[in-house]
Amino acid sequence: MTARLVPAADDAAGRRERPLRITVDGEALDGFAGQSIAGVLLAAGRLAWRTGPSGAPRGVFCGIGVCFDCLVRVNGEPDVRACRRRARDGDTVLTQSRAGEGEEDEGATGSPRGLRGAADEDNCGAEEEA
Protein backbone atom coordinates (compact mmCIF):
# COMPACT_ATOMS: atom_id res chain seq x y z
CA MET A 1 0.00 0.00 0.00
CA THR A 2 1.32 3.43 -0.84
CA ALA A 3 0.60 6.72 0.85
CA ARG A 4 -1.29 9.11 -1.42
CA LEU A 5 -3.71 11.96 -1.27
CA VAL A 6 -7.16 11.27 -2.66
CA PRO A 7 -8.45 14.17 -4.75
CA ALA A 8 -11.64 15.57 -3.21
CA ALA A 9 -13.61 14.81 -6.38
CA ASP A 10 -12.62 11.12 -6.14
CA ASP A 11 -13.26 10.67 -2.40
CA ALA A 12 -16.18 8.24 -2.13
CA ALA A 13 -16.62 9.10 1.57
CA GLY A 14 -17.18 12.76 0.72
CA ARG A 15 -14.50 14.08 3.06
CA ARG A 16 -13.53 17.71 2.67
CA GLU A 17 -10.55 19.46 4.20
CA ARG A 18 -11.59 21.89 6.93
CA PRO A 19 -8.76 24.28 7.73
CA LEU A 20 -7.81 25.15 11.29
CA ARG A 21 -5.19 27.33 12.94
CA ILE A 22 -3.28 26.69 16.16
CA THR A 23 -0.70 28.84 17.89
CA VAL A 24 2.59 27.19 18.88
CA ASP A 25 4.91 29.29 21.06
CA GLY A 26 3.27 32.41 19.63
CA GLU A 27 3.55 31.29 15.98
CA ALA A 28 0.34 30.62 14.02
CA LEU A 29 0.37 27.26 12.20
CA ASP A 30 -2.26 26.04 9.77
CA GLY A 31 -3.58 22.52 9.62
CA PHE A 32 -6.69 20.54 8.80
CA ALA A 33 -9.41 19.06 10.98
CA GLY A 34 -8.45 15.53 11.96
CA GLN A 35 -4.71 16.17 12.18
CA SER A 36 -2.92 15.56 15.44
CA ILE A 37 -0.95 18.41 16.96
CA ALA A 38 2.19 16.48 16.02
CA GLY A 39 0.90 16.26 12.43
CA VAL A 40 0.41 20.03 12.26
CA LEU A 41 3.91 20.60 13.69
CA LEU A 42 5.53 18.12 11.31
CA ALA A 43 3.67 19.56 8.30
CA ALA A 44 5.03 22.99 9.29
CA GLY A 45 8.57 21.58 9.21
CA ARG A 46 9.09 21.40 12.98
CA LEU A 47 10.79 18.07 13.71
CA ALA A 48 11.50 18.76 17.39
CA TRP A 49 9.56 20.77 19.96
CA ARG A 50 10.90 19.56 23.28
CA THR A 51 14.30 18.99 24.86
CA GLY A 52 15.23 16.08 27.09
CA PRO A 53 17.27 16.29 30.30
CA SER A 54 20.49 16.12 28.27
CA GLY A 55 19.36 19.05 26.11
CA ALA A 56 18.82 16.80 23.07
CA PRO A 57 15.92 17.84 20.80
CA ARG A 58 12.84 15.61 20.96
CA GLY A 59 9.77 15.33 18.76
CA VAL A 60 7.75 12.35 17.58
CA PHE A 61 9.46 9.05 18.31
CA CYS A 62 6.82 6.31 18.30
CA GLY A 63 3.86 8.32 17.01
CA ILE A 64 1.32 6.17 18.89
CA GLY A 65 1.42 7.65 22.40
CA VAL A 66 3.70 5.15 24.09
CA CYS A 67 7.04 6.95 24.48
CA PHE A 68 6.12 10.46 25.77
CA ASP A 69 8.78 12.20 23.62
CA CYS A 70 6.23 14.55 22.05
CA LEU A 71 4.85 16.18 25.21
CA VAL A 72 3.51 19.73 24.91
CA ARG A 73 1.29 22.05 26.96
CA VAL A 74 -2.11 22.56 25.28
CA ASN A 75 -4.45 25.32 26.44
CA GLY A 76 -2.66 25.36 29.82
CA GLU A 77 -2.72 21.57 30.33
CA PRO A 78 0.82 20.15 30.69
CA ASP A 79 2.16 16.83 29.43
CA VAL A 80 -0.21 16.34 26.50
CA ARG A 81 1.05 13.82 23.93
CA ALA A 82 1.05 15.74 20.64
CA CYS A 83 0.77 12.53 18.61
CA ARG A 84 -2.47 11.52 20.38
CA ARG A 85 -4.27 14.88 20.66
CA ARG A 86 -6.21 16.10 17.64
CA ALA A 87 -5.65 19.76 16.89
CA ARG A 88 -8.65 22.01 17.39
CA ASP A 89 -9.06 25.41 15.83
CA GLY A 90 -7.72 28.02 18.26
CA ASP A 91 -5.57 25.68 20.38
CA THR A 92 -2.64 27.35 22.15
CA VAL A 93 0.38 25.05 22.33
CA LEU A 94 3.57 25.67 24.30
CA THR A 95 6.65 23.51 24.00
CA GLN A 96 8.11 21.89 27.12
CA SER A 97 11.63 21.15 28.25
CA ARG A 98 13.24 18.72 30.67
CA ALA A 99 16.66 20.33 30.28
CA GLY A 100 17.93 21.18 33.77
CA GLU A 101 15.30 18.85 35.25
CA GLY A 102 14.37 19.62 38.81
CA GLU A 103 14.43 23.37 38.30
CA GLU A 104 11.18 25.29 38.13
CA ASP A 105 12.08 28.22 35.92
CA GLU A 106 10.47 29.75 32.89
CA GLY A 107 11.93 29.30 29.41
CA ALA A 108 12.13 31.97 26.74
CA THR A 109 8.74 30.88 25.41
CA GLY A 110 7.12 31.00 28.82
CA SER A 111 6.75 27.23 28.97
CA PRO A 112 7.66 25.63 32.29
CA ARG A 113 10.88 23.67 32.54
CA GLY A 114 11.41 20.64 34.69
CA LEU A 115 7.80 19.44 34.59
CA ARG A 116 7.37 16.14 36.38
CA GLY A 117 4.35 13.93 36.24
CA ALA A 118 3.17 10.38 35.72
CA ALA A 119 4.10 10.64 32.05
CA ASP A 120 7.77 11.30 32.89
CA GLU A 121 7.97 8.30 35.21
CA ASP A 122 6.73 5.80 32.63
CA ASN A 123 9.03 6.27 29.67
CA CYS A 124 9.04 2.69 28.39
CA GLY A 125 12.32 2.11 30.26
CA ALA A 126 14.19 4.07 27.60
CA GLU A 127 17.06 6.34 28.55
CA GLU A 128 17.31 9.64 26.71
CA GLU A 129 20.51 9.97 24.76
CA ALA A 130 22.53 13.03 23.87
C-alpha atoms as a PDB file:
ATOM      1  CA  MET A   1       0.000   0.000   0.000  1.00  0.00           C
ATOM      2  CA  THR A   2       1.325   3.431  -0.843  1.00  0.00           C
ATOM      3  CA  ALA A   3       0.597   6.725   0.853  1.00  0.00           C
ATOM      4  CA  ARG A   4      -1.285   9.105  -1.422  1.00  0.00           C
ATOM      5  CA  LEU A   5      -3.707  11.957  -1.273  1.00  0.00           C
ATOM      6  CA  VAL A   6      -7.160  11.268  -2.657  1.00  0.00           C
ATOM      7  CA  PRO A   7      -8.449  14.171  -4.754  1.00  0.00           C
ATOM      8  CA  ALA A   8     -11.640  15.574  -3.211  1.00  0.00           C
ATOM      9  CA  ALA A   9     -13.612  14.814  -6.380  1.00  0.00           C
ATOM     10  CA  ASP A  10     -12.615  11.117  -6.141  1.00  0.00           C
ATOM     11  CA  ASP A  11     -13.260  10.669  -2.405  1.00  0.00           C
ATOM     12  CA  ALA A  12     -16.178   8.236  -2.128  1.00  0.00           C
ATOM     13  CA  ALA A  13     -16.622   9.098   1.571  1.00  0.00           C
ATOM     14  CA  GLY A  14     -17.179  12.764   0.723  1.00  0.00           C
ATOM     15  CA  ARG A  15     -14.501  14.082   3.063  1.00  0.00           C
ATOM     16  CA  ARG A  16     -13.529  17.714   2.670  1.00  0.00           C
ATOM     17  CA  GLU A  17     -10.553  19.463   4.196  1.00  0.00           C
ATOM     18  CA  ARG A  18     -11.593  21.885   6.928  1.00  0.00           C
ATOM     19  CA  PRO A  19      -8.757  24.276   7.734  1.00  0.00           C
ATOM     20  CA  LEU A  20      -7.814  25.154  11.294  1.00  0.00           C
ATOM     21  CA  ARG A  21      -5.189  27.329  12.941  1.00  0.00           C
ATOM     22  CA  ILE A  22      -3.284  26.691  16.161  1.00  0.00           C
ATOM     23  CA  THR A  23      -0.696  28.844  17.894  1.00  0.00           C
ATOM     24  CA  VAL A  24       2.593  27.195  18.876  1.00  0.00           C
ATOM     25  CA  ASP A  25       4.910  29.285  21.063  1.00  0.00           C
ATOM     26  CA  GLY A  26       3.268  32.407  19.625  1.00  0.00           C
ATOM     27  CA  GLU A  27       3.551  31.286  15.980  1.00  0.00           C
ATOM     28  CA  ALA A  28       0.343  30.618  14.025  1.00  0.00           C
ATOM     29  CA  LEU A  29       0.374  27.264  12.204  1.00  0.00           C
ATOM     30  CA  ASP A  30      -2.264  26.044   9.768  1.00  0.00           C
ATOM     31  CA  GLY A  31      -3.576  22.516   9.616  1.00  0.00           C
ATOM     32  CA  PHE A  32      -6.688  20.540   8.804  1.00  0.00           C
ATOM     33  CA  ALA A  33      -9.414  19.059  10.982  1.00  0.00           C
ATOM     34  CA  GLY A  34      -8.454  15.529  11.965  1.00  0.00           C
ATOM     35  CA  GLN A  35      -4.711  16.168  12.178  1.00  0.00           C
ATOM     36  CA  SER A  36      -2.924  15.557  15.437  1.00  0.00           C
ATOM     37  CA  ILE A  37      -0.947  18.412  16.964  1.00  0.00           C
ATOM     38  CA  ALA A  38       2.195  16.481  16.020  1.00  0.00           C
ATOM     39  CA  GLY A  39       0.899  16.262  12.430  1.00  0.00           C
ATOM     40  CA  VAL A  40       0.408  20.027  12.262  1.00  0.00           C
ATOM     41  CA  LEU A  41       3.907  20.596  13.694  1.00  0.00           C
ATOM     42  CA  LEU A  42       5.528  18.121  11.308  1.00  0.00           C
ATOM     43  CA  ALA A  43       3.674  19.561   8.304  1.00  0.00           C
ATOM     44  CA  ALA A  44       5.030  22.989   9.287  1.00  0.00           C
ATOM     45  CA  GLY A  45       8.575  21.585   9.206  1.00  0.00           C
ATOM     46  CA  ARG A  46       9.094  21.397  12.978  1.00  0.00           C
ATOM     47  CA  LEU A  47      10.789  18.071  13.706  1.00  0.00           C
ATOM     48  CA  ALA A  48      11.498  18.765  17.394  1.00  0.00           C
ATOM     49  CA  TRP A  49       9.560  20.766  19.958  1.00  0.00           C
ATOM     50  CA  ARG A  50      10.898  19.564  23.280  1.00  0.00           C
ATOM     51  CA  THR A  51      14.299  18.993  24.856  1.00  0.00           C
ATOM     52  CA  GLY A  52      15.231  16.083  27.093  1.00  0.00           C
ATOM     53  CA  PRO A  53      17.273  16.291  30.304  1.00  0.00           C
ATOM     54  CA  SER A  54      20.487  16.119  28.271  1.00  0.00           C
ATOM     55  CA  GLY A  55      19.356  19.047  26.106  1.00  0.00           C
ATOM     56  CA  ALA A  56      18.822  16.800  23.070  1.00  0.00           C
ATOM     57  CA  PRO A  57      15.919  17.836  20.803  1.00  0.00           C
ATOM     58  CA  ARG A  58      12.842  15.609  20.960  1.00  0.00           C
ATOM     59  CA  GLY A  59       9.766  15.329  18.758  1.00  0.00           C
ATOM     60  CA  VAL A  60       7.750  12.354  17.581  1.00  0.00           C
ATOM     61  CA  PHE A  61       9.456   9.054  18.314  1.00  0.00           C
ATOM     62  CA  CYS A  62       6.822   6.314  18.304  1.00  0.00           C
ATOM     63  CA  GLY A  63       3.862   8.322  17.008  1.00  0.00           C
ATOM     64  CA  ILE A  64       1.321   6.169  18.888  1.00  0.00           C
ATOM     65  CA  GLY A  65       1.418   7.654  22.396  1.00  0.00           C
ATOM     66  CA  VAL A  66       3.704   5.154  24.085  1.00  0.00           C
ATOM     67  CA  CYS A  67       7.040   6.954  24.480  1.00  0.00           C
ATOM     68  CA  PHE A  68       6.122  10.463  25.770  1.00  0.00           C
ATOM     69  CA  ASP A  69       8.775  12.201  23.623  1.00  0.00           C
ATOM     70  CA  CYS A  70       6.226  14.547  22.051  1.00  0.00           C
ATOM     71  CA  LEU A  71       4.851  16.177  25.213  1.00  0.00           C
ATOM     72  CA  VAL A  72       3.512  19.725  24.914  1.00  0.00           C
ATOM     73  CA  ARG A  73       1.290  22.050  26.960  1.00  0.00           C
ATOM     74  CA  VAL A  74      -2.112  22.563  25.281  1.00  0.00           C
ATOM     75  CA  ASN A  75      -4.449  25.320  26.441  1.00  0.00           C
ATOM     76  CA  GLY A  76      -2.658  25.359  29.817  1.00  0.00           C
ATOM     77  CA  GLU A  77      -2.723  21.573  30.328  1.00  0.00           C
ATOM     78  CA  PRO A  78       0.822  20.154  30.687  1.00  0.00           C
ATOM     79  CA  ASP A  79       2.159  16.832  29.433  1.00  0.00           C
ATOM     80  CA  VAL A  80      -0.210  16.336  26.498  1.00  0.00           C
ATOM     81  CA  ARG A  81       1.048  13.825  23.930  1.00  0.00           C
ATOM     82  CA  ALA A  82       1.049  15.741  20.636  1.00  0.00           C
ATOM     83  CA  CYS A  83       0.770  12.535  18.607  1.00  0.00           C
ATOM     84  CA  ARG A  84      -2.470  11.521  20.375  1.00  0.00           C
ATOM     85  CA  ARG A  85      -4.274  14.879  20.658  1.00  0.00           C
ATOM     86  CA  ARG A  86      -6.214  16.103  17.642  1.00  0.00           C
ATOM     87  CA  ALA A  87      -5.647  19.759  16.889  1.00  0.00           C
ATOM     88  CA  ARG A  88      -8.651  22.010  17.390  1.00  0.00           C
ATOM     89  CA  ASP A  89      -9.061  25.414  15.826  1.00  0.00           C
ATOM     90  CA  GLY A  90      -7.717  28.018  18.256  1.00  0.00           C
ATOM     91  CA  ASP A  91      -5.567  25.681  20.382  1.00  0.00           C
ATOM     92  CA  THR A  92      -2.640  27.350  22.149  1.00  0.00           C
ATOM     93  CA  VAL A  93       0.376  25.046  22.328  1.00  0.00           C
ATOM     94  CA  LEU A  94       3.569  25.674  24.298  1.00  0.00           C
ATOM     95  CA  THR A  95       6.655  23.507  23.998  1.00  0.00           C
ATOM     96  CA  GLN A  96       8.107  21.894  27.116  1.00  0.00           C
ATOM     97  CA  SER A  97      11.634  21.153  28.254  1.00  0.00           C
ATOM     98  CA  ARG A  98      13.238  18.717  30.668  1.00  0.00           C
ATOM     99  CA  ALA A  99      16.661  20.335  30.283  1.00  0.00           C
ATOM    100  CA  GLY A 100      17.928  21.182  33.766  1.00  0.00           C
ATOM    101  CA  GLU A 101      15.304  18.852  35.247  1.00  0.00           C
ATOM    102  CA  GLY A 102      14.367  19.623  38.807  1.00  0.00           C
ATOM    103  CA  GLU A 103      14.427  23.369  38.296  1.00  0.00           C
ATOM    104  CA  GLU A 104      11.177  25.288  38.134  1.00  0.00           C
ATOM    105  CA  ASP A 105      12.080  28.220  35.923  1.00  0.00           C
ATOM    106  CA  GLU A 106      10.472  29.754  32.889  1.00  0.00           C
ATOM    107  CA  GLY A 107      11.931  29.301  29.414  1.00  0.00           C
ATOM    108  CA  ALA A 108      12.126  31.973  26.743  1.00  0.00           C
ATOM    109  CA  THR A 109       8.737  30.882  25.412  1.00  0.00           C
ATOM    110  CA  GLY A 110       7.123  30.999  28.824  1.00  0.00           C
ATOM    111  CA  SER A 111       6.749  27.233  28.966  1.00  0.00           C
ATOM    112  CA  PRO A 112       7.661  25.627  32.292  1.00  0.00           C
ATOM    113  CA  ARG A 113      10.881  23.670  32.538  1.00  0.00           C
ATOM    114  CA  GLY A 114      11.414  20.635  34.689  1.00  0.00           C
ATOM    115  CA  LEU A 115       7.796  19.441  34.595  1.00  0.00           C
ATOM    116  CA  ARG A 116       7.366  16.144  36.383  1.00  0.00           C
ATOM    117  CA  GLY A 117       4.353  13.927  36.236  1.00  0.00           C
ATOM    118  CA  ALA A 118       3.173  10.383  35.725  1.00  0.00           C
ATOM    119  CA  ALA A 119       4.104  10.639  32.052  1.00  0.00           C
ATOM    120  CA  ASP A 120       7.769  11.297  32.891  1.00  0.00           C
ATOM    121  CA  GLU A 121       7.969   8.301  35.208  1.00  0.00           C
ATOM    122  CA  ASP A 122       6.726   5.802  32.625  1.00  0.00           C
ATOM    123  CA  ASN A 123       9.027   6.272  29.665  1.00  0.00           C
ATOM    124  CA  CYS A 124       9.044   2.685  28.394  1.00  0.00           C
ATOM    125  CA  GLY A 125      12.318   2.110  30.264  1.00  0.00           C
ATOM    126  CA  ALA A 126      14.190   4.066  27.600  1.00  0.00           C
ATOM    127  CA  GLU A 127      17.059   6.342  28.547  1.00  0.00           C
ATOM    128  CA  GLU A 128      17.310   9.643  26.709  1.00  0.00           C
ATOM    129  CA  GLU A 129      20.508   9.972  24.762  1.00  0.00           C
ATOM    130  CA  ALA A 130      22.528  13.030  23.871  1.00  0.00           C
END
